[in-house]
Amino acid sequence: MFNDIGPLELVTLIVLAVLVFGPDKLPKFIQDVTRTLRKIREFSDNAKNDIRSELGPEFKDFEFEDLNPKAFLRKQLDNDELGLKDIRSTFDLKREMAELTDSVNGHDTASALPGPAPTSAAASGGRVDMTKKPEAPKDERPPFDADAT
C-alpha cells in the first residue's frame, strides 16, 4: 500500500503526526486507527464469505480478484484450451519487426514489393527519409484564407 514512501518521507509524517496530535494523544490515535482498519478488514472478509455461500457450490472457484478485467483476461488467456501458448511460442515479435523495417527501408525486398516503380533514390540504393515533410519552395507563399484570420 505504501511501497513508494521513502525514509525521509516517513520521518516527516511521524514529525507531523506528533505536532498535530501531540505526544500524549498519538498512541490513542494509532490504536483507534488500527482498530478501525481491523474492523474494516473483518467486515470485508465476512462480506466475501457471505457472497461465496450465497452463490452456491457451482461458484466454488470464484475469486473476487477475477472481477478486475486484467486479472480475468490473464486467467482466461493462460488457460490452454485454445492452444494460445503454442501460437505465442511460434510468434517471434523481434523477427517480425525486423522483417517489417527491412521491407519499409527497402533493404532486401524493395524490388519484390508490388506497386509503382521505385523512385530514383530507391533504385540507386539510397535511403529515402520518409519522416521529413517535403519542403515548400521558398518563393511560394501559402494561400491566404480571409476566414481563418
Protein backbone atom coordinates (compact mmCIF):
# COMPACT_ATOMS: atom_id res chain seq x y z
CA MET A 1 0.00 0.00 0.00
CA PHE A 2 2.76 2.44 0.92
CA ASN A 3 5.60 0.93 -1.10
CA ASP A 4 6.79 4.24 -2.52
CA ILE A 5 7.31 6.09 0.77
CA GLY A 6 10.97 6.73 1.47
CA PRO A 7 12.65 7.03 4.88
CA LEU A 8 12.71 10.85 4.79
CA GLU A 9 9.00 10.98 3.96
CA LEU A 10 8.25 8.54 6.79
CA VAL A 11 10.18 10.68 9.30
CA THR A 12 8.31 13.76 8.04
CA LEU A 13 4.95 12.03 8.53
CA ILE A 14 5.91 10.98 12.08
CA VAL A 15 7.01 14.50 12.97
CA LEU A 16 3.78 15.93 11.54
CA ALA A 17 1.70 13.39 13.48
CA VAL A 18 3.47 14.30 16.73
CA LEU A 19 2.96 18.01 16.04
CA VAL A 20 -0.73 17.65 15.11
CA PHE A 21 -1.89 15.15 17.73
CA GLY A 22 0.71 15.71 20.42
CA PRO A 23 2.83 13.05 22.10
CA ASP A 24 0.18 12.25 24.69
CA LYS A 25 -2.74 11.68 22.23
CA LEU A 26 -0.73 9.97 19.47
CA PRO A 27 -0.73 6.41 20.95
CA LYS A 28 -4.53 6.51 21.45
CA PHE A 29 -4.98 7.77 17.87
CA ILE A 30 -2.79 4.95 16.49
CA GLN A 31 -4.82 2.39 18.46
CA ASP A 32 -8.07 3.84 17.10
CA VAL A 33 -6.79 3.73 13.53
CA THR A 34 -5.57 0.13 13.80
CA ARG A 35 -8.86 -0.93 15.44
CA THR A 36 -10.82 0.71 12.61
CA LEU A 37 -8.67 -0.94 9.95
CA ARG A 38 -9.09 -4.31 11.66
CA LYS A 39 -12.90 -3.87 11.71
CA ILE A 40 -12.95 -2.87 8.03
CA ARG A 41 -10.86 -5.91 7.09
CA GLU A 42 -13.10 -8.19 9.17
CA PHE A 43 -16.23 -6.70 7.57
CA SER A 44 -14.76 -7.24 4.10
CA ASP A 45 -13.86 -10.87 4.84
CA ASN A 46 -17.35 -11.55 6.22
CA ALA A 47 -18.95 -9.99 3.14
CA LYS A 48 -16.81 -12.14 0.84
CA ASN A 49 -17.72 -15.29 2.75
CA ASP A 50 -21.41 -14.39 2.65
CA ILE A 51 -21.31 -13.81 -1.11
CA ARG A 52 -19.48 -17.11 -1.68
CA SER A 53 -22.03 -19.00 0.42
CA GLU A 54 -24.95 -17.35 -1.40
CA LEU A 55 -23.53 -18.14 -4.85
CA GLY A 56 -23.54 -21.84 -4.13
CA PRO A 57 -21.23 -24.75 -4.96
CA GLU A 58 -21.10 -24.04 -8.73
CA PHE A 59 -19.03 -20.92 -7.99
CA LYS A 60 -16.59 -22.59 -5.60
CA ASP A 61 -13.55 -21.43 -7.60
CA PHE A 62 -14.79 -17.83 -7.84
CA GLU A 63 -12.25 -15.24 -6.78
CA PHE A 64 -13.05 -11.58 -6.28
CA GLU A 65 -9.79 -10.65 -7.99
CA ASP A 66 -11.32 -12.06 -11.20
CA LEU A 67 -13.68 -9.08 -11.23
CA ASN A 68 -10.70 -6.99 -12.30
CA PRO A 69 -10.73 -7.17 -16.13
CA LYS A 70 -6.94 -7.54 -16.38
CA ALA A 71 -6.86 -10.47 -13.97
CA PHE A 72 -9.86 -12.11 -15.66
CA LEU A 73 -8.29 -11.87 -19.13
CA ARG A 74 -4.92 -13.08 -17.86
CA LYS A 75 -6.59 -16.10 -16.25
CA GLN A 76 -8.58 -16.88 -19.41
CA LEU A 77 -5.58 -16.49 -21.71
CA ASP A 78 -3.40 -18.68 -19.51
CA ASN A 79 -5.98 -21.43 -19.93
CA ASP A 80 -4.54 -23.70 -22.64
CA GLU A 81 -7.86 -24.90 -24.09
CA LEU A 82 -7.48 -22.58 -27.09
CA GLY A 83 -3.86 -23.51 -27.79
CA LEU A 84 -2.67 -19.93 -27.34
CA LYS A 85 0.59 -20.98 -25.73
CA ASP A 86 1.62 -22.78 -28.93
CA ILE A 87 0.72 -19.76 -31.03
CA ARG A 88 2.53 -17.43 -28.65
CA SER A 89 5.67 -19.59 -28.67
CA THR A 90 5.84 -19.70 -32.50
CA PHE A 91 5.38 -15.95 -32.90
CA ASP A 92 8.67 -14.06 -32.77
CA LEU A 93 7.90 -10.35 -32.50
CA LYS A 94 11.51 -9.19 -32.90
CA ARG A 95 11.96 -11.15 -36.13
CA GLU A 96 8.63 -9.90 -37.49
CA MET A 97 9.54 -6.29 -36.68
CA ALA A 98 12.98 -6.68 -38.28
CA GLU A 99 11.39 -8.03 -41.48
CA LEU A 100 8.90 -5.18 -41.48
CA THR A 101 11.57 -2.50 -41.06
CA ASP A 102 13.68 -4.11 -43.79
CA SER A 103 10.75 -4.10 -46.16
CA VAL A 104 9.90 -0.47 -45.33
CA ASN A 105 13.50 0.65 -45.71
CA GLY A 106 13.83 -1.37 -48.91
CA HIS A 107 16.95 -3.32 -47.91
CA ASP A 108 16.17 -6.79 -49.23
CA THR A 109 12.67 -6.71 -50.63
CA ALA A 110 12.46 -3.34 -52.45
CA SER A 111 12.34 -4.93 -55.89
CA ALA A 112 9.89 -7.63 -54.81
CA LEU A 113 7.30 -5.20 -53.47
CA PRO A 114 4.22 -4.82 -55.65
CA GLY A 115 3.13 -1.35 -56.60
CA PRO A 116 4.56 1.58 -58.53
CA ALA A 117 8.10 1.60 -59.81
CA PRO A 118 10.70 2.61 -57.24
CA THR A 119 11.93 6.18 -57.23
CA SER A 120 15.40 7.08 -58.38
CA ALA A 121 16.72 7.25 -54.80
CA ALA A 122 15.36 3.80 -54.00
CA ALA A 123 16.56 2.36 -57.31
CA SER A 124 20.08 3.70 -56.77
CA GLY A 125 20.23 2.12 -53.32
CA GLY A 126 19.99 5.47 -51.49
CA ARG A 127 17.84 5.86 -48.44
CA VAL A 128 14.65 7.85 -48.56
CA ASP A 129 13.76 9.68 -45.37
CA MET A 130 10.02 9.28 -45.01
CA THR A 131 9.80 11.10 -41.69
CA LYS A 132 10.53 14.57 -43.08
CA LYS A 133 7.86 16.53 -44.84
CA PRO A 134 8.75 17.88 -48.26
CA GLU A 135 9.80 21.48 -48.01
CA ALA A 136 7.74 24.09 -49.81
CA PRO A 137 9.60 26.29 -52.29
CA LYS A 138 10.99 29.42 -50.64
CA ASP A 139 9.38 31.86 -53.11
CA GLU A 140 5.88 30.46 -52.88
CA ARG A 141 3.67 31.85 -50.10
CA PRO A 142 0.89 29.78 -48.59
CA PRO A 143 -2.60 30.66 -49.79
CA PHE A 144 -4.36 33.42 -47.86
CA ASP A 145 -7.56 32.46 -46.11
CA ALA A 146 -9.56 35.51 -45.00
CA ASP A 147 -11.92 33.40 -42.88
CA ALA A 148 -9.08 31.92 -40.84
CA THR A 149 -7.81 35.30 -39.61
